[in-house]
Protein backbone atom coordinates (compact mmCIF):
# COMPACT_ATOMS: atom_id res chain seq x y z
CA MET A 1 71.52 47.97 -65.58
CA ASP A 2 73.30 50.28 -67.90
CA THR A 3 71.97 53.72 -68.79
CA LEU A 4 71.58 54.77 -72.38
CA THR A 5 74.05 57.05 -74.12
CA PRO A 6 72.63 60.26 -75.59
CA SER A 7 72.61 58.88 -79.15
CA GLU A 8 70.91 55.66 -77.99
CA SER A 9 68.40 57.71 -76.04
CA ARG A 10 67.55 59.74 -79.17
CA ALA A 11 67.24 56.55 -81.23
CA PHE A 12 64.97 54.99 -78.61
CA ARG A 13 62.77 58.10 -78.48
CA ARG A 14 62.36 58.12 -82.26
CA ILE A 15 61.42 54.44 -82.36
CA ALA A 16 59.11 54.75 -79.35
CA VAL A 17 57.32 57.79 -80.77
CA ALA A 18 56.82 56.01 -84.11
CA ILE A 19 55.43 52.88 -82.42
CA LEU A 20 53.16 54.93 -80.15
CA ALA A 21 51.89 57.10 -83.01
CA ILE A 22 51.07 54.13 -85.24
CA GLY A 23 49.63 52.01 -82.44
CA PHE A 24 47.44 54.64 -80.83
CA THR A 25 46.25 55.94 -84.21
CA ALA A 26 45.15 52.41 -85.08
CA ALA A 27 43.49 51.97 -81.68
CA ILE A 28 41.57 55.24 -82.01
CA ALA A 29 40.47 54.37 -85.55
CA VAL A 30 39.26 50.94 -84.44
CA TYR A 31 37.48 52.46 -81.44
CA PHE A 32 35.42 54.79 -83.64
CA VAL A 33 34.83 52.34 -86.50
CA GLN A 34 34.11 49.44 -84.17
CA ARG A 35 32.20 46.57 -85.66
CA ALA A 36 29.99 44.30 -83.66
CA ARG A 37 31.13 40.76 -83.12
CA PRO A 38 29.44 38.39 -85.57
CA GLU A 39 26.57 36.48 -84.05
CA ASN A 40 27.53 33.05 -82.85
CA PRO A 41 24.57 30.69 -82.96
CA LEU A 42 26.18 28.60 -80.23
CA ALA A 43 26.89 31.53 -77.88
CA GLN A 44 24.00 30.63 -75.58
CA GLN A 45 25.34 27.11 -75.32
CA LEU A 46 28.24 28.09 -73.06
CA GLU A 47 25.77 29.53 -70.59
CA SER A 48 23.63 26.41 -70.37
CA LYS A 49 24.14 24.22 -67.32
CA LYS A 50 23.77 21.02 -69.34
CA TYR A 51 26.55 22.01 -71.75
CA LEU A 52 28.86 23.02 -68.90
CA HIS A 53 28.09 19.74 -67.15
CA ASP A 54 28.90 17.76 -70.30
CA LEU A 55 32.12 19.71 -70.78
CA GLU A 56 33.12 18.90 -67.23
CA ILE A 57 32.31 15.21 -67.62
CA TYR A 58 34.28 14.85 -70.85
CA GLY A 59 37.31 16.97 -69.95
CA GLY A 60 37.05 17.98 -66.33
CA GLN A 61 37.12 21.47 -64.89
CA ALA A 62 40.10 22.32 -67.13
CA ASN A 63 37.88 21.80 -70.19
CA VAL A 64 35.29 24.23 -68.82
CA LEU A 65 37.98 26.81 -68.06
CA ALA A 66 39.49 26.35 -71.53
CA ALA A 67 36.09 26.91 -73.18
CA GLU A 68 35.54 30.08 -71.13
CA PHE A 69 39.06 31.30 -71.94
CA ARG A 70 38.52 30.70 -75.67
CA GLU A 71 35.29 32.72 -75.52
CA TRP A 72 37.00 35.57 -73.64
CA PHE A 73 40.01 35.57 -75.98
CA ALA A 74 37.79 35.62 -79.08
CA GLY A 75 36.03 38.67 -77.63
CA LEU A 76 39.28 40.65 -77.55
CA TRP A 77 39.35 40.94 -81.34
CA TYR A 78 36.10 42.85 -81.96
CA GLY A 79 34.77 46.34 -81.26
CA GLN A 80 36.03 48.41 -78.36
CA ASN A 81 37.89 45.45 -76.92
CA LEU A 82 40.03 45.35 -80.08
CA ALA A 83 40.91 49.03 -79.62
CA TYR A 84 41.98 48.38 -76.03
CA THR A 85 43.94 45.31 -77.13
CA ILE A 86 45.82 47.34 -79.77
CA ALA A 87 46.62 50.05 -77.21
CA VAL A 88 47.99 47.52 -74.70
CA LEU A 89 50.02 45.73 -77.40
CA THR A 90 51.46 49.11 -78.42
CA LEU A 91 52.61 49.81 -74.88
CA LEU A 92 54.08 46.31 -74.63
CA ALA A 93 55.98 46.87 -77.90
CA VAL A 94 57.49 50.13 -76.59
CA GLY A 95 58.45 48.33 -73.37
CA ALA A 96 60.09 45.53 -75.36
CA VAL A 97 62.08 48.03 -77.42
CA ARG A 98 63.16 49.82 -74.23
CA LEU A 99 64.21 46.51 -72.70
CA GLY A 100 66.17 45.70 -75.85
CA PHE A 101 68.04 48.99 -75.60
CA ILE A 102 68.79 48.47 -71.91
CA LEU A 103 69.88 44.85 -72.22
CA ARG A 104 72.08 45.35 -75.26
CA LEU A 105 75.33 43.44 -75.21
CA PRO A 106 78.37 45.49 -74.23
CA PRO A 107 80.99 45.89 -76.94
CA GLU A 108 83.78 43.34 -76.93
CA GLU A 109 87.30 44.41 -76.19
CA GLY A 110 88.89 46.01 -79.23
CA GLU A 111 85.60 47.15 -80.82
CA VAL A 112 85.19 50.78 -81.79
CA CYS A 113 81.83 52.26 -80.80
CA ASP A 114 80.25 55.58 -81.67
CA GLY A 115 77.36 55.09 -79.20
CA VAL A 116 74.97 53.40 -81.59
CA SER A 117 76.90 50.92 -83.71
CA CYS A 118 80.06 49.01 -82.97
CA GLU A 119 82.46 47.48 -85.42
CA ARG A 120 85.69 45.59 -85.06
CA PRO A 121 88.79 47.15 -86.50
CA HIS A 122 90.15 45.16 -89.39
CA ALA A 123 92.97 42.81 -88.46
CA ASP A 124 94.87 43.78 -91.60
CA ALA A 125 94.83 47.44 -90.60
CA GLN A 126 96.20 46.63 -87.16
CA ASP A 127 98.91 44.41 -88.65
CA ASN A 128 99.92 47.18 -91.06
CA VAL A 129 100.19 49.70 -88.23
CA LEU A 130 102.27 47.30 -86.16
CA ARG A 131 104.57 46.61 -89.13
CA TRP A 132 104.92 50.34 -89.80
CA LYS A 133 105.79 51.04 -86.14
CA ALA A 134 108.27 48.15 -86.14
CA GLY A 135 109.92 49.53 -89.30
CA LYS A 136 110.36 53.02 -87.79
CA LYS A 137 112.45 51.76 -84.86
């Protein structure tokens, strides 16, 4: 893996700090303002043996696991769990940005790079220089 140039490192730090500041501020706000999950009148149903048995008969053990997963996943979006979810997603976003900086494509031959952005020299400009050099000989 390639290391980052100083200008890329500064750009990464700025982006990472912005993502972390926004994400953790949102997570802290949600943590303190947390709302309770709305009451689900069918919540007790998942705990009943008859319902679980029926789920297993109709769809097998995969159906029971899917129902439990749906219940767990729905719980991530309320109260303290939402704050933790936002914090983890923030860290994942910073990791994805870091990975993007590390795995950037190297410049192609002939491109001029200043460390952050690369651009191809114009073909016309190269042709003019070659013509000028040819005329001087």
